[in-house]
Amino acid sequence: MTASTLVGLTGGIAAGKSTVARALATHGARIVDGDAAARDIVDPRTSGGAALLPRIAALLGDEVLAPDGALDRAAVAARVFGDDALRGQYNALLRPAILDEVARRIAEARRDPGVVVHEIPLLNRTTAPLPWTYDLVVTVEAVASTRLQRLQNDRGHDAAEAERRIRAQGEEADRVAIADVVLRTDGTLDETLRATASLWAQLSAERPPR
């Protein structure tokens, strides 16, 4: 492989996207974590975070800020999940800074040959154009009942909250519509890891065309 390959890795909440990303990392992929970038841009210790946090508080209320000035992500989720208009305003507020930070991380990761995986939570056919182009898009999917169970058992959400979070992340069909690969995780962890190993073999065999 003489050039880097950029993979967009998305999927519904609790479908197993992070599990797949970690497995790809063990095979040698370099991971750009979209959620980590989103956390870092609101770090109150940075100039960017110090500028964004008051704007977030003005939109959502001071209760979304912890006593130390950091963003309380659980409080944000409680405010925006279930309110499409407010969630849209919040995402629009953060989007430019997130895109800048992710673009910087992708460019750094692509300096060397290999596979770079951008783990992005909300990528579907309605997503606005991004300032980079993926060589391959993978979506990780599981049936809604499985995801509901995982959100309740693994993350402690009640059934109503789990359903709200699934609805807030959009429809599976909208993700599948733009995906080159659909990786199902309805089965066991071993089955997911085997499917991920097959995906890695595909990525390693040849660089997918743009």
C-alpha atoms as a PDB file:
ATOM      1  CA  MET A   1       0.000   0.000   0.000  1.00  0.00           C
ATOM      2  CA  THR A   2       1.677   3.214  -1.126  1.00  0.00           C
ATOM      3  CA  ALA A   3      -0.872   5.755   0.082  1.00  0.00           C
ATOM      4  CA  SER A   4      -3.206   6.146   2.998  1.00  0.00           C
ATOM      5  CA  THR A   5      -6.802   4.948   2.777  1.00  0.00           C
ATOM      6  CA  LEU A   6      -9.437   6.971   4.606  1.00  0.00           C
ATOM      7  CA  VAL A   7     -12.391   4.978   5.926  1.00  0.00           C
ATOM      8  CA  GLY A   8     -15.517   6.625   7.306  1.00  0.00           C
ATOM      9  CA  LEU A   9     -16.871   4.398  10.085  1.00  0.00           C
ATOM     10  CA  THR A  10     -20.384   5.178  11.260  1.00  0.00           C
ATOM     11  CA  GLY A  11     -23.368   3.322  12.703  1.00  0.00           C
ATOM     12  CA  GLY A  12     -26.362   3.593  14.951  1.00  0.00           C
ATOM     13  CA  ILE A  13     -25.958   4.170  18.670  1.00  0.00           C
ATOM     14  CA  ALA A  14     -25.120   0.932  20.532  1.00  0.00           C
ATOM     15  CA  ALA A  15     -24.621  -0.947  17.271  1.00  0.00           C
ATOM     16  CA  GLY A  16     -20.965  -1.617  18.088  1.00  0.00           C
ATOM     17  CA  LYS A  17     -19.121   1.053  16.118  1.00  0.00           C
ATOM     18  CA  SER A  18     -16.513   1.606  18.818  1.00  0.00           C
ATOM     19  CA  THR A  19     -15.974  -2.134  19.160  1.00  0.00           C
ATOM     20  CA  VAL A  20     -15.257  -2.341  15.441  1.00  0.00           C
ATOM     21  CA  ALA A  21     -12.953   0.681  15.621  1.00  0.00           C
ATOM     22  CA  ARG A  22     -10.954  -0.877  18.465  1.00  0.00           C
ATOM     23  CA  ALA A  23     -10.687  -4.145  16.539  1.00  0.00           C
ATOM     24  CA  LEU A  24      -9.448  -2.323  13.432  1.00  0.00           C
ATOM     25  CA  ALA A  25      -6.881  -0.539  15.592  1.00  0.00           C
ATOM     26  CA  THR A  26      -5.507  -3.891  16.772  1.00  0.00           C
ATOM     27  CA  HIS A  27      -5.026  -4.819  13.104  1.00  0.00           C
ATOM     28  CA  GLY A  28      -3.038  -1.634  12.495  1.00  0.00           C
ATOM     29  CA  ALA A  29      -5.537   1.080  11.555  1.00  0.00           C
ATOM     30  CA  ARG A  30      -4.973   4.601  12.821  1.00  0.00           C
ATOM     31  CA  ILE A  31      -8.187   5.848  14.434  1.00  0.00           C
ATOM     32  CA  VAL A  32      -9.492   9.411  14.313  1.00  0.00           C
ATOM     33  CA  ASP A  33     -12.218   9.519  16.961  1.00  0.00           C
ATOM     34  CA  GLY A  34     -14.910  12.060  16.107  1.00  0.00           C
ATOM     35  CA  ASP A  35     -16.323  11.961  19.637  1.00  0.00           C
ATOM     36  CA  ALA A  36     -12.886  12.631  21.119  1.00  0.00           C
ATOM     37  CA  ALA A  37     -12.466  15.638  18.837  1.00  0.00           C
ATOM     38  CA  ALA A  38     -15.889  16.911  19.924  1.00  0.00           C
ATOM     39  CA  ARG A  39     -14.865  16.598  23.572  1.00  0.00           C
ATOM     40  CA  ASP A  40     -11.541  18.322  23.051  1.00  0.00           C
ATOM     41  CA  ILE A  41     -12.960  21.405  21.346  1.00  0.00           C
ATOM     42  CA  VAL A  42     -14.988  22.215  24.474  1.00  0.00           C
ATOM     43  CA  ASP A  43     -12.095  21.725  26.887  1.00  0.00           C
ATOM     44  CA  PRO A  44     -12.238  24.842  29.110  1.00  0.00           C
ATOM     45  CA  ARG A  45      -8.446  24.798  29.382  1.00  0.00           C
ATOM     46  CA  THR A  46      -8.119  25.727  25.702  1.00  0.00           C
ATOM     47  CA  SER A  47      -8.863  29.071  24.086  1.00  0.00           C
ATOM     48  CA  GLY A  48     -11.369  27.452  21.734  1.00  0.00           C
ATOM     49  CA  GLY A  49     -13.201  25.724  24.562  1.00  0.00           C
ATOM     50  CA  ALA A  50     -13.241  28.862  26.679  1.00  0.00           C
ATOM     51  CA  ALA A  51     -14.895  30.697  23.771  1.00  0.00           C
ATOM     52  CA  LEU A  52     -17.450  27.968  22.977  1.00  0.00           C
ATOM     53  CA  LEU A  53     -18.640  27.093  26.472  1.00  0.00           C
ATOM     54  CA  PRO A  54     -20.397  30.414  27.222  1.00  0.00           C
ATOM     55  CA  ARG A  55     -22.227  30.144  23.894  1.00  0.00           C
ATOM     56  CA  ILE A  56     -23.337  26.607  24.737  1.00  0.00           C
ATOM     57  CA  ALA A  57     -24.542  27.737  28.156  1.00  0.00           C
ATOM     58  CA  ALA A  58     -26.464  30.601  26.556  1.00  0.00           C
ATOM     59  CA  LEU A  59     -28.232  28.112  24.293  1.00  0.00           C
ATOM     60  CA  LEU A  60     -28.876  25.252  26.731  1.00  0.00           C
ATOM     61  CA  GLY A  61     -28.681  26.873  30.157  1.00  0.00           C
ATOM     62  CA  ASP A  62     -25.985  27.157  32.803  1.00  0.00           C
ATOM     63  CA  GLU A  63     -26.898  23.709  34.158  1.00  0.00           C
ATOM     64  CA  VAL A  64     -24.950  22.078  31.307  1.00  0.00           C
ATOM     65  CA  LEU A  65     -21.714  23.379  32.821  1.00  0.00           C
ATOM     66  CA  ALA A  66     -20.103  21.468  35.696  1.00  0.00           C
ATOM     67  CA  PRO A  67     -18.818  23.340  38.774  1.00  0.00           C
ATOM     68  CA  ASP A  68     -15.285  23.344  37.313  1.00  0.00           C
ATOM     69  CA  GLY A  69     -16.545  24.987  34.106  1.00  0.00           C
ATOM     70  CA  ALA A  70     -16.346  21.842  31.971  1.00  0.00           C
ATOM     71  CA  LEU A  71     -19.220  20.707  29.795  1.00  0.00           C
ATOM     72  CA  ASP A  72     -21.531  18.205  31.501  1.00  0.00           C
ATOM     73  CA  ARG A  73     -22.227  15.896  28.568  1.00  0.00           C
ATOM     74  CA  ALA A  74     -24.957  14.001  30.412  1.00  0.00           C
ATOM     75  CA  ALA A  75     -26.763  17.274  31.094  1.00  0.00           C
ATOM     76  CA  VAL A  76     -26.404  18.263  27.434  1.00  0.00           C
ATOM     77  CA  ALA A  77     -27.850  14.925  26.332  1.00  0.00           C
ATOM     78  CA  ALA A  78     -30.777  15.357  28.704  1.00  0.00           C
ATOM     79  CA  ARG A  79     -31.522  18.761  27.151  1.00  0.00           C
ATOM     80  CA  VAL A  80     -31.153  17.964  23.470  1.00  0.00           C
ATOM     81  CA  PHE A  81     -32.318  14.369  23.041  1.00  0.00           C
ATOM     82  CA  GLY A  82     -35.991  14.463  22.237  1.00  0.00           C
ATOM     83  CA  ASP A  83     -35.868  18.096  21.055  1.00  0.00           C
ATOM     84  CA  ASP A  84     -34.946  18.063  17.375  1.00  0.00           C
ATOM     85  CA  ALA A  85     -34.855  21.852  17.014  1.00  0.00           C
ATOM     86  CA  LEU A  86     -32.620  22.402  20.029  1.00  0.00           C
ATOM     87  CA  ARG A  87     -30.320  19.535  19.049  1.00  0.00           C
ATOM     88  CA  GLY A  88     -29.996  21.062  15.588  1.00  0.00           C
ATOM     89  CA  GLN A  89     -29.014  24.416  17.072  1.00  0.00           C
ATOM     90  CA  TYR A  90     -26.485  22.763  19.357  1.00  0.00           C
ATOM     91  CA  ASN A  91     -24.920  20.755  16.524  1.00  0.00           C
ATOM     92  CA  ALA A  92     -24.758  23.841  14.304  1.00  0.00           C
ATOM     93  CA  LEU A  93     -22.947  25.706  17.071  1.00  0.00           C
ATOM     94  CA  LEU A  94     -20.287  23.032  17.450  1.00  0.00           C
ATOM     95  CA  ARG A  95     -19.986  21.804  13.866  1.00  0.00           C
ATOM     96  CA  PRO A  96     -17.431  24.332  12.485  1.00  0.00           C
ATOM     97  CA  ALA A  97     -15.017  23.768  15.351  1.00  0.00           C
ATOM     98  CA  ILE A  98     -15.437  19.986  15.183  1.00  0.00           C
ATOM     99  CA  LEU A  99     -14.826  19.927  11.429  1.00  0.00           C
ATOM    100  CA  ASP A 100     -11.667  22.003  11.795  1.00  0.00           C
ATOM    101  CA  GLU A 101     -10.307  19.737  14.527  1.00  0.00           C
ATOM    102  CA  VAL A 102     -11.204  16.502  12.732  1.00  0.00           C
ATOM    103  CA  ALA A 103      -9.695  17.781   9.470  1.00  0.00           C
ATOM    104  CA  ARG A 104      -6.476  18.548  11.325  1.00  0.00           C
ATOM    105  CA  ARG A 105      -6.380  15.071  12.871  1.00  0.00           C
ATOM    106  CA  ILE A 106      -7.148  13.330   9.579  1.00  0.00           C
ATOM    107  CA  ALA A 107      -4.415  15.261   7.772  1.00  0.00           C
ATOM    108  CA  GLU A 108      -1.920  14.314  10.478  1.00  0.00           C
ATOM    109  CA  ALA A 109      -2.947  10.648  10.426  1.00  0.00           C
ATOM    110  CA  ARG A 110      -2.674  10.479   6.617  1.00  0.00           C
ATOM    111  CA  ARG A 111       0.939  11.617   6.470  1.00  0.00           C
ATOM    112  CA  ASP A 112       2.053   7.982   6.401  1.00  0.00           C
ATOM    113  CA  PRO A 113       0.799   5.058   4.282  1.00  0.00           C
ATOM    114  CA  GLY A 114      -1.790   2.767   5.793  1.00  0.00           C
ATOM    115  CA  VAL A 115      -5.422   2.774   6.803  1.00  0.00           C
ATOM    116  CA  VAL A 116      -6.946   5.716   8.650  1.00  0.00           C
ATOM    117  CA  VAL A 117     -10.396   5.173  10.161  1.00  0.00           C
ATOM    118  CA  HIS A 118     -12.530   8.182  11.033  1.00  0.00           C
ATOM    119  CA  GLU A 119     -15.076   7.085  13.628  1.00  0.00           C
ATOM    120  CA  ILE A 120     -17.993   9.461  13.012  1.00  0.00           C
ATOM    121  CA  PRO A 121     -21.304   9.086  14.859  1.00  0.00           C
ATOM    122  CA  LEU A 122     -23.655  10.862  12.458  1.00  0.00           C
ATOM    123  CA  LEU A 123     -22.913  10.113   8.822  1.00  0.00           C
ATOM    124  CA  ASN A 124     -25.779   9.454   6.421  1.00  0.00           C
ATOM    125  CA  ARG A 125     -27.277  10.647   3.147  1.00  0.00           C
ATOM    126  CA  THR A 126     -28.530  13.870   4.764  1.00  0.00           C
ATOM    127  CA  THR A 127     -25.117  14.853   6.169  1.00  0.00           C
ATOM    128  CA  ALA A 128     -23.836  18.168   4.850  1.00  0.00           C
ATOM    129  CA  PRO A 129     -20.697  17.996   2.669  1.00  0.00           C
ATOM    130  CA  LEU A 130     -17.479  17.372   4.590  1.00  0.00           C
ATOM    131  CA  PRO A 131     -14.070  18.953   3.907  1.00  0.00           C
ATOM    132  CA  TRP A 132     -12.534  15.551   3.133  1.00  0.00           C
ATOM    133  CA  THR A 133     -13.420  12.533   0.979  1.00  0.00           C
ATOM    134  CA  TYR A 134     -13.633   8.947   2.208  1.00  0.00           C
ATOM    135  CA  ASP A 135     -12.220   6.103   0.159  1.00  0.00           C
ATOM    136  CA  LEU A 136     -14.677   3.734   1.793  1.00  0.00           C
ATOM    137  CA  VAL A 137     -17.704   4.188   4.065  1.00  0.00           C
ATOM    138  CA  VAL A 138     -18.593   1.450   6.551  1.00  0.00           C
ATOM    139  CA  THR A 139     -21.722   1.454   8.687  1.00  0.00           C
ATOM    140  CA  VAL A 140     -22.082  -0.798  11.709  1.00  0.00           C
ATOM    141  CA  GLU A 141     -25.682  -1.898  12.234  1.00  0.00           C
ATOM    142  CA  ALA A 142     -27.775  -4.022  14.575  1.00  0.00           C
ATOM    143  CA  VAL A 143     -31.522  -4.411  14.850  1.00  0.00           C
ATOM    144  CA  ALA A 144     -33.299  -1.883  17.056  1.00  0.00           C
ATOM    145  CA  SER A 145     -34.245  -4.449  19.701  1.00  0.00           C
ATOM    146  CA  THR A 146     -30.599  -5.403  20.174  1.00  0.00           C
ATOM    147  CA  ARG A 147     -29.532  -1.779  20.452  1.00  0.00           C
ATOM    148  CA  LEU A 148     -32.315  -1.056  22.949  1.00  0.00           C
ATOM    149  CA  GLN A 149     -31.169  -3.940  25.099  1.00  0.00           C
ATOM    150  CA  ARG A 150     -27.547  -2.792  24.988  1.00  0.00           C
ATOM    151  CA  LEU A 151     -28.456   0.780  25.940  1.00  0.00           C
ATOM    152  CA  GLN A 152     -30.423  -0.476  28.913  1.00  0.00           C
ATOM    153  CA  ASN A 153     -28.038  -3.200  30.071  1.00  0.00           C
ATOM    154  CA  ASP A 154     -24.685  -1.585  29.291  1.00  0.00           C
ATOM    155  CA  ARG A 155     -25.401   2.124  29.717  1.00  0.00           C
ATOM    156  CA  GLY A 156     -28.172   2.120  32.263  1.00  0.00           C
ATOM    157  CA  HIS A 157     -30.837   3.948  30.237  1.00  0.00           C
ATOM    158  CA  ASP A 158     -34.495   3.175  30.754  1.00  0.00           C
ATOM    159  CA  ALA A 159     -36.513   2.002  27.765  1.00  0.00           C
ATOM    160  CA  ALA A 160     -37.952   5.431  26.938  1.00  0.00           C
ATOM    161  CA  GLU A 161     -34.545   7.131  27.048  1.00  0.00           C
ATOM    162  CA  ALA A 162     -32.979   4.373  24.956  1.00  0.00           C
ATOM    163  CA  GLU A 163     -35.671   4.778  22.313  1.00  0.00           C
ATOM    164  CA  ARG A 164     -35.183   8.561  22.254  1.00  0.00           C
ATOM    165  CA  ARG A 165     -31.471   8.177  21.684  1.00  0.00           C
ATOM    166  CA  ILE A 166     -31.951   5.702  18.862  1.00  0.00           C
ATOM    167  CA  ARG A 167     -34.478   7.963  17.135  1.00  0.00           C
ATOM    168  CA  ALA A 168     -32.175  10.976  17.531  1.00  0.00           C
ATOM    169  CA  GLN A 169     -29.446   9.258  15.505  1.00  0.00           C
ATOM    170  CA  GLY A 170     -31.598   8.771  12.426  1.00  0.00           C
ATOM    171  CA  GLU A 171     -32.683   5.810  10.347  1.00  0.00           C
ATOM    172  CA  GLU A 172     -30.547   2.831   9.439  1.00  0.00           C
ATOM    173  CA  ALA A 173     -31.648   3.172   5.801  1.00  0.00           C
ATOM    174  CA  ASP A 174     -30.096   6.644   5.607  1.00  0.00           C
ATOM    175  CA  ARG A 175     -26.729   5.271   6.708  1.00  0.00           C
ATOM    176  CA  VAL A 176     -26.883   2.178   4.526  1.00  0.00           C
ATOM    177  CA  ALA A 177     -27.686   4.360   1.499  1.00  0.00           C
ATOM    178  CA  ILE A 178     -24.177   5.865   1.504  1.00  0.00           C
ATOM    179  CA  ALA A 179     -22.246   2.855   2.793  1.00  0.00           C
ATOM    180  CA  ASP A 180     -19.887   0.716   0.743  1.00  0.00           C
ATOM    181  CA  VAL A 181     -19.883  -1.913   3.489  1.00  0.00           C
ATOM    182  CA  VAL A 182     -22.619  -2.781   6.004  1.00  0.00           C
ATOM    183  CA  LEU A 183     -21.192  -4.677   8.979  1.00  0.00           C
ATOM    184  CA  ARG A 184     -23.887  -6.419  11.050  1.00  0.00           C
ATOM    185  CA  THR A 185     -23.327  -6.906  14.787  1.00  0.00           C
ATOM    186  CA  ASP A 186     -26.541  -8.670  15.797  1.00  0.00           C
ATOM    187  CA  GLY A 187     -24.635 -11.822  16.677  1.00  0.00           C
ATOM    188  CA  THR A 188     -21.877 -12.606  19.168  1.00  0.00           C
ATOM    189  CA  LEU A 189     -18.759 -10.566  19.804  1.00  0.00           C
ATOM    190  CA  ASP A 190     -16.669 -13.272  18.119  1.00  0.00           C
ATOM    191  CA  GLU A 191     -18.811 -12.971  14.996  1.00  0.00           C
ATOM    192  CA  THR A 192     -18.321  -9.198  14.981  1.00  0.00           C
ATOM    193  CA  LEU A 193     -14.570  -9.599  15.355  1.00  0.00           C
ATOM    194  CA  ARG A 194     -14.453 -12.093  12.492  1.00  0.00           C
ATOM    195  CA  ALA A 195     -16.432  -9.726  10.271  1.00  0.00           C
ATOM    196  CA  THR A 196     -14.055  -6.924  11.209  1.00  0.00           C
ATOM    197  CA  ALA A 197     -11.059  -9.108  10.362  1.00  0.00           C
ATOM    198  CA  SER A 198     -12.597  -9.753   6.936  1.00  0.00           C
ATOM    199  CA  LEU A 199     -13.042  -6.022   6.453  1.00  0.00           C
ATOM    200  CA  TRP A 200      -9.400  -5.481   7.387  1.00  0.00           C
ATOM    201  CA  ALA A 201      -8.323  -8.093   4.858  1.00  0.00           C
ATOM    202  CA  GLN A 202     -10.272  -6.195   2.200  1.00  0.00           C
ATOM    203  CA  LEU A 203      -8.660  -2.899   3.211  1.00  0.00           C
ATOM    204  CA  SER A 204      -5.193  -4.431   3.257  1.00  0.00           C
ATOM    205  CA  ALA A 205      -5.530  -6.201  -0.082  1.00  0.00           C
ATOM    206  CA  GLU A 206      -5.902  -3.126  -2.192  1.00  0.00           C
ATOM    207  CA  ARG A 207      -6.632   0.553  -1.871  1.00  0.00           C
ATOM    208  CA  PRO A 208     -10.340   1.159  -2.680  1.00  0.00           C
ATOM    209  CA  PRO A 209     -10.903   3.574  -5.569  1.00  0.00           C
ATOM    210  CA  ARG A 210     -12.021   7.131  -4.890  1.00  0.00           C
END
